[in-house]
Amino acid sequence: MAKRFFVKPFMKWYRRLLRNSKYRWVVLLGTLFYLVSPIDIVPDAIPLLGWIDDGLIATIAITEISQILLDRKRNLRQATDSSTPVTVVETNESVIDVDSVAVV
């Protein structure tokens, strides 16, 4: 129940802010500040609950940053692939073409 009302909207909001290049560094610095500051939603003095909110924020941040980097790498690879001429090499091997889908 809390996942539907708190976690998913928070993740969508955080993802939108990170995907916006104008606010990306502000959000990342704010996330880093949140993780190292003693002021939390749930204080770290409460053993498990205090660590769970920090772990959730760190997991979301790392996931989104890695997704942004993978997208950038994919875009750079596509840009270089489209600019280089394609050479056809004939071999006896068969090629299997697979469409991939990003899971978000």
C-alpha atoms as a PDB file:
ATOM      1  CA  MET A   1       0.000   0.000   0.000  1.00  0.00           C
ATOM      2  CA  ALA A   2       2.779   2.434   0.875  1.00  0.00           C
ATOM      3  CA  LYS A   3       4.566   1.429  -2.314  1.00  0.00           C
ATOM      4  CA  ARG A   4       1.658   2.590  -4.448  1.00  0.00           C
ATOM      5  CA  PHE A   5       1.159   5.898  -2.634  1.00  0.00           C
ATOM      6  CA  PHE A   6       4.731   6.871  -1.802  1.00  0.00           C
ATOM      7  CA  VAL A   7       7.458   4.888  -3.530  1.00  0.00           C
ATOM      8  CA  LYS A   8       6.177   4.868  -7.126  1.00  0.00           C
ATOM      9  CA  PRO A   9       5.258   8.589  -7.257  1.00  0.00           C
ATOM     10  CA  PHE A  10       8.595   9.447  -5.629  1.00  0.00           C
ATOM     11  CA  MET A  11      10.505   7.319  -8.137  1.00  0.00           C
ATOM     12  CA  LYS A  12       8.666   8.935 -11.084  1.00  0.00           C
ATOM     13  CA  TRP A  13       9.330  12.417  -9.734  1.00  0.00           C
ATOM     14  CA  TYR A  14      13.006  11.643  -9.036  1.00  0.00           C
ATOM     15  CA  ARG A  15      13.460  10.030 -12.471  1.00  0.00           C
ATOM     16  CA  ARG A  16      11.920  13.059 -14.229  1.00  0.00           C
ATOM     17  CA  LEU A  17      14.238  15.407 -12.346  1.00  0.00           C
ATOM     18  CA  LEU A  18      17.322  13.340 -13.189  1.00  0.00           C
ATOM     19  CA  ARG A  19      16.353  13.039 -16.853  1.00  0.00           C
ATOM     20  CA  ASN A  20      16.069  16.833 -17.064  1.00  0.00           C
ATOM     21  CA  SER A  21      19.628  17.966 -17.777  1.00  0.00           C
ATOM     22  CA  LYS A  22      18.909  21.389 -16.281  1.00  0.00           C
ATOM     23  CA  TYR A  23      18.355  19.981 -12.769  1.00  0.00           C
ATOM     24  CA  ARG A  24      20.449  16.809 -12.906  1.00  0.00           C
ATOM     25  CA  TRP A  25      23.465  18.039 -10.934  1.00  0.00           C
ATOM     26  CA  VAL A  26      21.324  19.824  -8.363  1.00  0.00           C
ATOM     27  CA  VAL A  27      19.372  16.609  -7.731  1.00  0.00           C
ATOM     28  CA  LEU A  28      22.552  14.517  -7.524  1.00  0.00           C
ATOM     29  CA  LEU A  29      24.171  16.935  -5.084  1.00  0.00           C
ATOM     30  CA  GLY A  30      20.951  17.039  -3.047  1.00  0.00           C
ATOM     31  CA  THR A  31      20.887  13.245  -2.974  1.00  0.00           C
ATOM     32  CA  LEU A  32      24.504  13.101  -1.830  1.00  0.00           C
ATOM     33  CA  PHE A  33      23.781  15.715   0.840  1.00  0.00           C
ATOM     34  CA  TYR A  34      20.742  13.733   2.021  1.00  0.00           C
ATOM     35  CA  LEU A  35      22.784  10.544   2.303  1.00  0.00           C
ATOM     36  CA  VAL A  36      25.579  12.100   4.389  1.00  0.00           C
ATOM     37  CA  SER A  37      23.514  14.533   6.458  1.00  0.00           C
ATOM     38  CA  PRO A  38      22.159  13.569   9.866  1.00  0.00           C
ATOM     39  CA  ILE A  39      18.776  15.054   8.913  1.00  0.00           C
ATOM     40  CA  ASP A  40      16.664  12.282   7.350  1.00  0.00           C
ATOM     41  CA  ILE A  41      13.050  11.346   6.873  1.00  0.00           C
ATOM     42  CA  VAL A  42      13.708   8.502   9.285  1.00  0.00           C
ATOM     43  CA  PRO A  43      16.779   9.149  11.493  1.00  0.00           C
ATOM     44  CA  ASP A  44      19.615   6.637  11.324  1.00  0.00           C
ATOM     45  CA  ALA A  45      19.384   6.251  15.113  1.00  0.00           C
ATOM     46  CA  ILE A  46      16.424   3.926  14.485  1.00  0.00           C
ATOM     47  CA  PRO A  47      18.444   0.865  13.428  1.00  0.00           C
ATOM     48  CA  LEU A  48      16.650  -0.725  10.476  1.00  0.00           C
ATOM     49  CA  LEU A  49      14.176   1.903   9.359  1.00  0.00           C
ATOM     50  CA  GLY A  50      16.815   4.625   9.328  1.00  0.00           C
ATOM     51  CA  TRP A  51      19.002   2.604   6.990  1.00  0.00           C
ATOM     52  CA  ILE A  52      16.165   1.538   4.701  1.00  0.00           C
ATOM     53  CA  ASP A  53      15.316   5.080   3.571  1.00  0.00           C
ATOM     54  CA  ASP A  54      18.990   5.822   2.848  1.00  0.00           C
ATOM     55  CA  GLY A  55      19.307   2.523   0.989  1.00  0.00           C
ATOM     56  CA  LEU A  56      16.203   3.263  -1.061  1.00  0.00           C
ATOM     57  CA  ILE A  57      17.440   6.721  -2.056  1.00  0.00           C
ATOM     58  CA  ALA A  58      20.921   5.399  -2.901  1.00  0.00           C
ATOM     59  CA  THR A  59      19.470   2.524  -4.949  1.00  0.00           C
ATOM     60  CA  ILE A  60      17.191   4.808  -6.944  1.00  0.00           C
ATOM     61  CA  ALA A  61      20.032   7.280  -7.570  1.00  0.00           C
ATOM     62  CA  ILE A  62      22.500   4.603  -8.707  1.00  0.00           C
ATOM     63  CA  THR A  63      19.889   2.938 -10.920  1.00  0.00           C
ATOM     64  CA  GLU A  64      18.948   6.175 -12.641  1.00  0.00           C
ATOM     65  CA  ILE A  65      22.550   7.313 -13.083  1.00  0.00           C
ATOM     66  CA  SER A  66      23.528   3.975 -14.616  1.00  0.00           C
ATOM     67  CA  GLN A  67      20.494   4.111 -16.929  1.00  0.00           C
ATOM     68  CA  ILE A  68      21.442   7.632 -18.057  1.00  0.00           C
ATOM     69  CA  LEU A  69      25.021   6.503 -18.729  1.00  0.00           C
ATOM     70  CA  LEU A  70      23.849   3.433 -20.659  1.00  0.00           C
ATOM     71  CA  ASP A  71      21.493   5.586 -22.764  1.00  0.00           C
ATOM     72  CA  ARG A  72      24.314   8.024 -23.496  1.00  0.00           C
ATOM     73  CA  LYS A  73      26.647   5.166 -24.461  1.00  0.00           C
ATOM     74  CA  ARG A  74      23.959   3.677 -26.725  1.00  0.00           C
ATOM     75  CA  ASN A  75      23.339   7.036 -28.399  1.00  0.00           C
ATOM     76  CA  LEU A  76      27.056   7.574 -28.985  1.00  0.00           C
ATOM     77  CA  ARG A  77      27.406   4.088 -30.420  1.00  0.00           C
ATOM     78  CA  GLN A  78      24.457   4.643 -32.777  1.00  0.00           C
ATOM     79  CA  ALA A  79      25.909   7.983 -33.876  1.00  0.00           C
ATOM     80  CA  THR A  80      29.281   6.423 -34.679  1.00  0.00           C
ATOM     81  CA  ASP A  81      27.681   3.393 -36.347  1.00  0.00           C
ATOM     82  CA  SER A  82      25.578   5.562 -38.632  1.00  0.00           C
ATOM     83  CA  SER A  83      28.559   7.732 -39.610  1.00  0.00           C
ATOM     84  CA  THR A  84      30.904   4.864 -40.501  1.00  0.00           C
ATOM     85  CA  PRO A  85      30.420   3.011 -43.752  1.00  0.00           C
ATOM     86  CA  VAL A  86      29.111  -0.512 -43.431  1.00  0.00           C
ATOM     87  CA  THR A  87      31.150  -3.268 -45.030  1.00  0.00           C
ATOM     88  CA  VAL A  88      29.574  -6.576 -45.792  1.00  0.00           C
ATOM     89  CA  VAL A  89      31.618  -9.651 -45.067  1.00  0.00           C
ATOM     90  CA  GLU A  90      30.308 -12.916 -46.403  1.00  0.00           C
ATOM     91  CA  THR A  91      30.588 -15.856 -44.060  1.00  0.00           C
ATOM     92  CA  ASN A  92      28.933 -19.203 -43.717  1.00  0.00           C
ATOM     93  CA  GLU A  93      27.443 -18.263 -40.341  1.00  0.00           C
ATOM     94  CA  SER A  94      23.775 -17.361 -40.013  1.00  0.00           C
ATOM     95  CA  VAL A  95      22.692 -14.126 -38.332  1.00  0.00           C
ATOM     96  CA  ILE A  96      19.864 -13.900 -35.833  1.00  0.00           C
ATOM     97  CA  ASP A  97      18.281 -10.461 -35.566  1.00  0.00           C
ATOM     98  CA  VAL A  98      16.660  -9.779 -32.177  1.00  0.00           C
ATOM     99  CA  ASP A  99      14.663  -6.711 -31.153  1.00  0.00           C
ATOM    100  CA  SER A 100      15.343  -5.620 -27.583  1.00  0.00           C
ATOM    101  CA  VAL A 101      13.159  -3.678 -25.198  1.00  0.00           C
ATOM    102  CA  ALA A 102      14.360  -1.609 -22.238  1.00  0.00           C
ATOM    103  CA  VAL A 103      12.648  -2.553 -18.997  1.00  0.00           C
ATOM    104  CA  VAL A 104      12.042   0.440 -16.771  1.00  0.00           C
END
